[in-house]
Amino acid sequence: RFSATFGSYSFTSRFENGLLTLVSDF
């Protein structure tokens, strides 16, 4: 996770029951 006056970014990931989920917001 990152945040500044010029922008922000987050990245999350999880693994459940064989399912990989990746999410990013820029």
PDB file of all heavy atoms in Angstrom:
ATOM      1  N   ARG A   1       0.854  -1.193   0.000  1.00  0.00           N
ATOM      2  CA  ARG A   1       0.000   0.000   0.000  1.00  0.00           C
ATOM      3  C   ARG A   1       0.888   1.241   0.000  1.00  0.00           C
ATOM      4  O   ARG A   1       1.904   1.289   0.689  1.00  0.00           O
ATOM      5  CB  ARG A   1      -0.920  -0.003   1.212  1.00  0.00           C
ATOM      6  CG  ARG A   1      -2.000   1.080   1.188  1.00  0.00           C
ATOM      7  CD  ARG A   1      -2.989   0.856   2.321  1.00  0.00           C
ATOM      8  NE  ARG A   1      -3.700  -0.405   2.158  1.00  0.00           N
ATOM      9  CZ  ARG A   1      -4.790  -0.559   1.411  1.00  0.00           C
ATOM     10  NH1 ARG A   1      -5.279   0.480   0.743  1.00  0.00           N
ATOM     11  NH2 ARG A   1      -5.381  -1.737   1.346  1.00  0.00           N
ATOM     12  N   PHE A   2       0.479   2.251  -0.804  1.00  0.00           N
ATOM     13  CA  PHE A   2       1.234   3.503  -0.881  1.00  0.00           C
ATOM     14  C   PHE A   2       0.258   4.636  -1.152  1.00  0.00           C
ATOM     15  O   PHE A   2      -0.704   4.470  -1.920  1.00  0.00           O
ATOM     16  CB  PHE A   2       2.275   3.437  -2.005  1.00  0.00           C
ATOM     17  CG  PHE A   2       3.079   4.703  -2.166  1.00  0.00           C
ATOM     18  CD1 PHE A   2       4.268   4.873  -1.488  1.00  0.00           C
ATOM     19  CD2 PHE A   2       2.628   5.728  -2.986  1.00  0.00           C
ATOM     20  CE1 PHE A   2       5.008   6.042  -1.632  1.00  0.00           C
ATOM     21  CE2 PHE A   2       3.363   6.898  -3.135  1.00  0.00           C
ATOM     22  CZ  PHE A   2       4.556   7.059  -2.452  1.00  0.00           C
ATOM     23  N   SER A   3       0.530   5.812  -0.549  1.00  0.00           N
ATOM     24  CA  SER A   3      -0.320   6.971  -0.795  1.00  0.00           C
ATOM     25  C   SER A   3       0.506   8.238  -0.705  1.00  0.00           C
ATOM     26  O   SER A   3       1.366   8.379   0.178  1.00  0.00           O
ATOM     27  CB  SER A   3      -1.472   7.019   0.224  1.00  0.00           C
ATOM     28  OG  SER A   3      -2.313   8.123  -0.028  1.00  0.00           O
ATOM     29  N   ALA A   4       0.285   9.164  -1.645  1.00  0.00           N
ATOM     30  CA  ALA A   4       0.963  10.455  -1.656  1.00  0.00           C
ATOM     31  C   ALA A   4       0.055  11.451  -2.368  1.00  0.00           C
ATOM     32  O   ALA A   4      -1.008  11.094  -2.883  1.00  0.00           O
ATOM     33  CB  ALA A   4       2.321  10.353  -2.358  1.00  0.00           C
ATOM     34  N   THR A   5       0.485  12.713  -2.409  1.00  0.00           N
ATOM     35  CA  THR A   5      -0.344  13.733  -3.058  1.00  0.00           C
ATOM     36  C   THR A   5      -0.513  13.466  -4.544  1.00  0.00           C
ATOM     37  O   THR A   5      -1.521  13.846  -5.140  1.00  0.00           O
ATOM     38  CB  THR A   5       0.278  15.129  -2.871  1.00  0.00           C
ATOM     39  OG1 THR A   5       1.630  15.105  -3.354  1.00  0.00           O
ATOM     40  CG2 THR A   5       0.263  15.532  -1.407  1.00  0.00           C
ATOM     41  N   PHE A   6       0.476  12.806  -5.160  1.00  0.00           N
ATOM     42  CA  PHE A   6       0.441  12.584  -6.600  1.00  0.00           C
ATOM     43  C   PHE A   6      -0.168  11.243  -6.998  1.00  0.00           C
ATOM     44  O   PHE A   6      -0.332  10.967  -8.187  1.00  0.00           O
ATOM     45  CB  PHE A   6       1.849  12.692  -7.202  1.00  0.00           C
ATOM     46  CG  PHE A   6       2.886  11.889  -6.461  1.00  0.00           C
ATOM     47  CD1 PHE A   6       2.947  10.516  -6.588  1.00  0.00           C
ATOM     48  CD2 PHE A   6       3.793  12.525  -5.634  1.00  0.00           C
ATOM     49  CE1 PHE A   6       3.892   9.776  -5.917  1.00  0.00           C
ATOM     50  CE2 PHE A   6       4.760  11.797  -4.948  1.00  0.00           C
ATOM     51  CZ  PHE A   6       4.805  10.415  -5.096  1.00  0.00           C
ATOM     52  N   GLY A   7      -0.510  10.381  -6.022  1.00  0.00           N
ATOM     53  CA  GLY A   7      -1.112   9.116  -6.407  1.00  0.00           C
ATOM     54  C   GLY A   7      -1.177   8.125  -5.265  1.00  0.00           C
ATOM     55  O   GLY A   7      -0.727   8.384  -4.141  1.00  0.00           O
ATOM     56  N   SER A   8      -1.732   6.975  -5.570  1.00  0.00           N
ATOM     57  CA  SER A   8      -1.843   5.911  -4.571  1.00  0.00           C
ATOM     58  C   SER A   8      -1.825   4.568  -5.278  1.00  0.00           C
ATOM     59  O   SER A   8      -2.091   4.464  -6.481  1.00  0.00           O
ATOM     60  CB  SER A   8      -3.126   6.058  -3.746  1.00  0.00           C
ATOM     61  OG  SER A   8      -4.269   5.924  -4.577  1.00  0.00           O
ATOM     62  N   TYR A   9      -1.525   3.524  -4.483  1.00  0.00           N
ATOM     63  CA  TYR A   9      -1.454   2.168  -5.034  1.00  0.00           C
ATOM     64  C   TYR A   9      -1.712   1.175  -3.913  1.00  0.00           C
ATOM     65  O   TYR A   9      -1.252   1.358  -2.780  1.00  0.00           O
ATOM     66  CB  TYR A   9      -0.068   1.928  -5.641  1.00  0.00           C
ATOM     67  CG  TYR A   9       0.152   0.528  -6.167  1.00  0.00           C
ATOM     68  CD1 TYR A   9      -0.434   0.108  -7.363  1.00  0.00           C
ATOM     69  CD2 TYR A   9       0.950  -0.384  -5.474  1.00  0.00           C
ATOM     70  CE1 TYR A   9      -0.228  -1.166  -7.854  1.00  0.00           C
ATOM     71  CE2 TYR A   9       1.169  -1.664  -5.963  1.00  0.00           C
ATOM     72  CZ  TYR A   9       0.568  -2.052  -7.153  1.00  0.00           C
ATOM     73  OH  TYR A   9       0.776  -3.315  -7.646  1.00  0.00           O
ATOM     74  N   SER A  10      -2.473   0.144  -4.237  1.00  0.00           N
ATOM     75  CA  SER A  10      -2.656  -0.955  -3.285  1.00  0.00           C
ATOM     76  C   SER A  10      -2.635  -2.265  -4.050  1.00  0.00           C
ATOM     77  O   SER A  10      -3.075  -2.338  -5.219  1.00  0.00           O
ATOM     78  CB  SER A  10      -3.967  -0.807  -2.515  1.00  0.00           C
ATOM     79  OG  SER A  10      -5.082  -0.982  -3.374  1.00  0.00           O
ATOM     80  N   PHE A  11      -2.121  -3.303  -3.395  1.00  0.00           N
ATOM     81  CA  PHE A  11      -2.055  -4.639  -3.987  1.00  0.00           C
ATOM     82  C   PHE A  11      -2.402  -5.640  -2.899  1.00  0.00           C
ATOM     83  O   PHE A  11      -1.826  -5.619  -1.805  1.00  0.00           O
ATOM     84  CB  PHE A  11      -0.655  -4.915  -4.534  1.00  0.00           C
ATOM     85  CG  PHE A  11      -0.534  -6.245  -5.216  1.00  0.00           C
ATOM     86  CD1 PHE A  11      -0.782  -6.375  -6.569  1.00  0.00           C
ATOM     87  CD2 PHE A  11      -0.184  -7.385  -4.496  1.00  0.00           C
ATOM     88  CE1 PHE A  11      -0.678  -7.607  -7.198  1.00  0.00           C
ATOM     89  CE2 PHE A  11      -0.085  -8.618  -5.119  1.00  0.00           C
ATOM     90  CZ  PHE A  11      -0.336  -8.719  -6.473  1.00  0.00           C
ATOM     91  N   THR A  12      -3.363  -6.506  -3.175  1.00  0.00           N
ATOM     92  CA  THR A  12      -3.746  -7.535  -2.214  1.00  0.00           C
ATOM     93  C   THR A  12      -3.791  -8.882  -2.926  1.00  0.00           C
ATOM     94  O   THR A  12      -4.014  -8.962  -4.141  1.00  0.00           O
ATOM     95  CB  THR A  12      -5.123  -7.247  -1.586  1.00  0.00           C
ATOM     96  OG1 THR A  12      -6.113  -7.194  -2.628  1.00  0.00           O
ATOM     97  CG2 THR A  12      -5.108  -5.931  -0.836  1.00  0.00           C
ATOM     98  N   SER A  13      -3.586  -9.942  -2.143  1.00  0.00           N
ATOM     99  CA  SER A  13      -3.627 -11.297  -2.711  1.00  0.00           C
ATOM    100  C   SER A  13      -4.126 -12.263  -1.655  1.00  0.00           C
ATOM    101  O   SER A  13      -3.911 -12.064  -0.453  1.00  0.00           O
ATOM    102  CB  SER A  13      -2.239 -11.714  -3.207  1.00  0.00           C
ATOM    103  OG  SER A  13      -1.279 -11.594  -2.173  1.00  0.00           O
ATOM    104  N   ARG A  14      -4.780 -13.309  -2.115  1.00  0.00           N
ATOM    105  CA  ARG A  14      -5.216 -14.353  -1.186  1.00  0.00           C
ATOM    106  C   ARG A  14      -5.332 -15.673  -1.942  1.00  0.00           C
ATOM    107  O   ARG A  14      -5.455 -15.691  -3.167  1.00  0.00           O
ATOM    108  CB  ARG A  14      -6.526 -13.993  -0.503  1.00  0.00           C
ATOM    109  CG  ARG A  14      -7.744 -13.969  -1.397  1.00  0.00           C
ATOM    110  CD  ARG A  14      -9.012 -13.687  -0.577  1.00  0.00           C
ATOM    111  NE  ARG A  14     -10.214 -13.767  -1.395  1.00  0.00           N
ATOM    112  CZ  ARG A  14     -10.747 -12.755  -2.044  1.00  0.00           C
ATOM    113  NH1 ARG A  14     -10.171 -11.555  -1.976  1.00  0.00           N
ATOM    114  NH2 ARG A  14     -11.841 -12.917  -2.754  1.00  0.00           N
ATOM    115  N   PHE A  15      -5.297 -16.767  -1.172  1.00  0.00           N
ATOM    116  CA  PHE A  15      -5.383 -18.105  -1.755  1.00  0.00           C
ATOM    117  C   PHE A  15      -6.279 -18.947  -0.862  1.00  0.00           C
ATOM    118  O   PHE A  15      -5.965 -19.174   0.312  1.00  0.00           O
ATOM    119  CB  PHE A  15      -3.980 -18.724  -1.856  1.00  0.00           C
ATOM    120  CG  PHE A  15      -3.955 -20.043  -2.564  1.00  0.00           C
ATOM    121  CD1 PHE A  15      -4.068 -20.119  -3.947  1.00  0.00           C
ATOM    122  CD2 PHE A  15      -3.827 -21.230  -1.843  1.00  0.00           C
ATOM    123  CE1 PHE A  15      -4.041 -21.342  -4.610  1.00  0.00           C
ATOM    124  CE2 PHE A  15      -3.805 -22.453  -2.491  1.00  0.00           C
ATOM    125  CZ  PHE A  15      -3.913 -22.513  -3.882  1.00  0.00           C
ATOM    126  N   GLU A  16      -7.403 -19.361  -1.429  1.00  0.00           N
ATOM    127  CA  GLU A  16      -8.371 -20.148  -0.666  1.00  0.00           C
ATOM    128  C   GLU A  16      -8.923 -21.267  -1.536  1.00  0.00           C
ATOM    129  O   GLU A  16      -9.394 -21.011  -2.650  1.00  0.00           O
ATOM    130  CB  GLU A  16      -9.532 -19.272  -0.185  1.00  0.00           C
ATOM    131  CG  GLU A  16      -9.131 -18.171   0.786  1.00  0.00           C
ATOM    132  CD  GLU A  16     -10.302 -17.277   1.150  1.00  0.00           C
ATOM    133  OE1 GLU A  16     -11.373 -17.422   0.508  1.00  0.00           O
ATOM    134  OE2 GLU A  16     -10.155 -16.448   2.062  1.00  0.00           O
ATOM    135  N   ASN A  17      -8.838 -22.496  -1.035  1.00  0.00           N
ATOM    136  CA  ASN A  17      -9.410 -23.657  -1.729  1.00  0.00           C
ATOM    137  C   ASN A  17      -8.942 -23.756  -3.184  1.00  0.00           C
ATOM    138  O   ASN A  17      -9.710 -24.016  -4.104  1.00  0.00           O
ATOM    139  CB  ASN A  17     -10.940 -23.599  -1.696  1.00  0.00           C
ATOM    140  CG  ASN A  17     -11.482 -23.583  -0.284  1.00  0.00           C
ATOM    141  OD1 ASN A  17     -10.984 -24.293   0.581  1.00  0.00           O
ATOM    142  ND2 ASN A  17     -12.505 -22.754  -0.047  1.00  0.00           N
ATOM    143  N   GLY A  18      -7.651 -23.500  -3.384  1.00  0.00           N
ATOM    144  CA  GLY A  18      -7.071 -23.622  -4.720  1.00  0.00           C
ATOM    145  C   GLY A  18      -7.322 -22.429  -5.619  1.00  0.00           C
ATOM    146  O   GLY A  18      -6.925 -22.444  -6.789  1.00  0.00           O
ATOM    147  N   LEU A  19      -7.950 -21.358  -5.099  1.00  0.00           N
ATOM    148  CA  LEU A  19      -8.281 -20.189  -5.919  1.00  0.00           C
ATOM    149  C   LEU A  19      -7.365 -19.027  -5.535  1.00  0.00           C
ATOM    150  O   LEU A  19      -7.388 -18.547  -4.396  1.00  0.00           O
ATOM    151  CB  LEU A  19      -9.744 -19.804  -5.705  1.00  0.00           C
ATOM    152  CG  LEU A  19     -10.375 -18.882  -6.755  1.00  0.00           C
ATOM    153  CD1 LEU A  19     -10.448 -19.579  -8.107  1.00  0.00           C
ATOM    154  CD2 LEU A  19     -11.764 -18.447  -6.302  1.00  0.00           C
ATOM    155  N   LEU A  20      -6.561 -18.567  -6.497  1.00  0.00           N
ATOM    156  CA  LEU A  20      -5.651 -17.442  -6.305  1.00  0.00           C
ATOM    157  C   LEU A  20      -6.341 -16.167  -6.787  1.00  0.00           C
ATOM    158  O   LEU A  20      -6.803 -16.089  -7.929  1.00  0.00           O
ATOM    159  CB  LEU A  20      -4.361 -17.669  -7.092  1.00  0.00           C
ATOM    160  CG  LEU A  20      -3.372 -16.500  -7.125  1.00  0.00           C
ATOM    161  CD1 LEU A  20      -2.816 -16.217  -5.727  1.00  0.00           C
ATOM    162  CD2 LEU A  20      -2.238 -16.786  -8.115  1.00  0.00           C
ATOM    163  N   THR A  21      -6.400 -15.143  -5.921  1.00  0.00           N
ATOM    164  CA  THR A  21      -7.035 -13.872  -6.267  1.00  0.00           C
ATOM    165  C   THR A  21      -6.048 -12.738  -6.023  1.00  0.00           C
ATOM    166  O   THR A  21      -5.533 -12.580  -4.910  1.00  0.00           O
ATOM    167  CB  THR A  21      -8.307 -13.624  -5.430  1.00  0.00           C
ATOM    168  OG1 THR A  21      -9.219 -14.711  -5.626  1.00  0.00           O
ATOM    169  CG2 THR A  21      -8.977 -12.329  -5.840  1.00  0.00           C
ATOM    170  N   LEU A  22      -5.774 -11.958  -7.066  1.00  0.00           N
ATOM    171  CA  LEU A  22      -4.886 -10.802  -6.989  1.00  0.00           C
ATOM    172  C   LEU A  22      -5.666  -9.561  -7.411  1.00  0.00           C
ATOM    173  O   LEU A  22      -6.353  -9.578  -8.438  1.00  0.00           O
ATOM    174  CB  LEU A  22      -3.672 -10.976  -7.904  1.00  0.00           C
ATOM    175  CG  LEU A  22      -2.865 -12.272  -7.764  1.00  0.00           C
ATOM    176  CD1 LEU A  22      -1.760 -12.319  -8.811  1.00  0.00           C
ATOM    177  CD2 LEU A  22      -2.280 -12.393  -6.365  1.00  0.00           C
ATOM    178  N   VAL A  23      -5.547  -8.481  -6.647  1.00  0.00           N
ATOM    179  CA  VAL A  23      -6.269  -7.237  -6.944  1.00  0.00           C
ATOM    180  C   VAL A  23      -5.316  -6.065  -6.756  1.00  0.00           C
ATOM    181  O   VAL A  23      -4.647  -5.965  -5.711  1.00  0.00           O
ATOM    182  CB  VAL A  23      -7.496  -7.049  -6.026  1.00  0.00           C
ATOM    183  CG1 VAL A  23      -8.187  -5.718  -6.329  1.00  0.00           C
ATOM    184  CG2 VAL A  23      -8.470  -8.212  -6.184  1.00  0.00           C
ATOM    185  N   SER A  24      -5.239  -5.183  -7.759  1.00  0.00           N
ATOM    186  CA  SER A  24      -4.438  -3.968  -7.620  1.00  0.00           C
ATOM    187  C   SER A  24      -5.274  -2.755  -7.998  1.00  0.00           C
ATOM    188  O   SER A  24      -6.145  -2.828  -8.877  1.00  0.00           O
ATOM    189  CB  SER A  24      -3.177  -4.036  -8.485  1.00  0.00           C
ATOM    190  OG  SER A  24      -3.485  -3.866  -9.850  1.00  0.00           O
ATOM    191  N   ASP A  25      -5.016  -1.636  -7.315  1.00  0.00           N
ATOM    192  CA  ASP A  25      -5.677  -0.358  -7.600  1.00  0.00           C
ATOM    193  C   ASP A  25      -4.615   0.728  -7.668  1.00  0.00           C
ATOM    194  O   ASP A  25      -3.834   0.899  -6.712  1.00  0.00           O
ATOM    195  CB  ASP A  25      -6.699  -0.016  -6.519  1.00  0.00           C
ATOM    196  CG  ASP A  25      -7.948  -0.868  -6.628  1.00  0.00           C
ATOM    197  OD1 ASP A  25      -8.717  -0.663  -7.573  1.00  0.00           O
ATOM    198  OD2 ASP A  25      -8.137  -1.756  -5.767  1.00  0.00           O
ATOM    199  N   PHE A  26      -4.622   1.459  -8.786  1.00  0.00           N
ATOM    200  CA  PHE A  26      -3.603   2.482  -9.047  1.00  0.00           C
ATOM    201  C   PHE A  26      -4.283   3.807  -9.337  1.00  0.00           C
ATOM    202  O   PHE A  26      -5.276   3.863 -10.067  1.00  0.00           O
ATOM    203  CB  PHE A  26      -2.754   2.042 -10.250  1.00  0.00           C
ATOM    204  CG  PHE A  26      -1.810   3.095 -10.768  1.00  0.00           C
ATOM    205  CD1 PHE A  26      -0.545   3.223 -10.236  1.00  0.00           C
ATOM    206  CD2 PHE A  26      -2.190   3.951 -11.799  1.00  0.00           C
ATOM    207  CE1 PHE A  26       0.333   4.191 -10.718  1.00  0.00           C
ATOM    208  CE2 PHE A  26      -1.322   4.919 -12.287  1.00  0.00           C
ATOM    209  CZ  PHE A  26      -0.059   5.040 -11.736  1.00  0.00           C
TER     210      PHE A  26
END
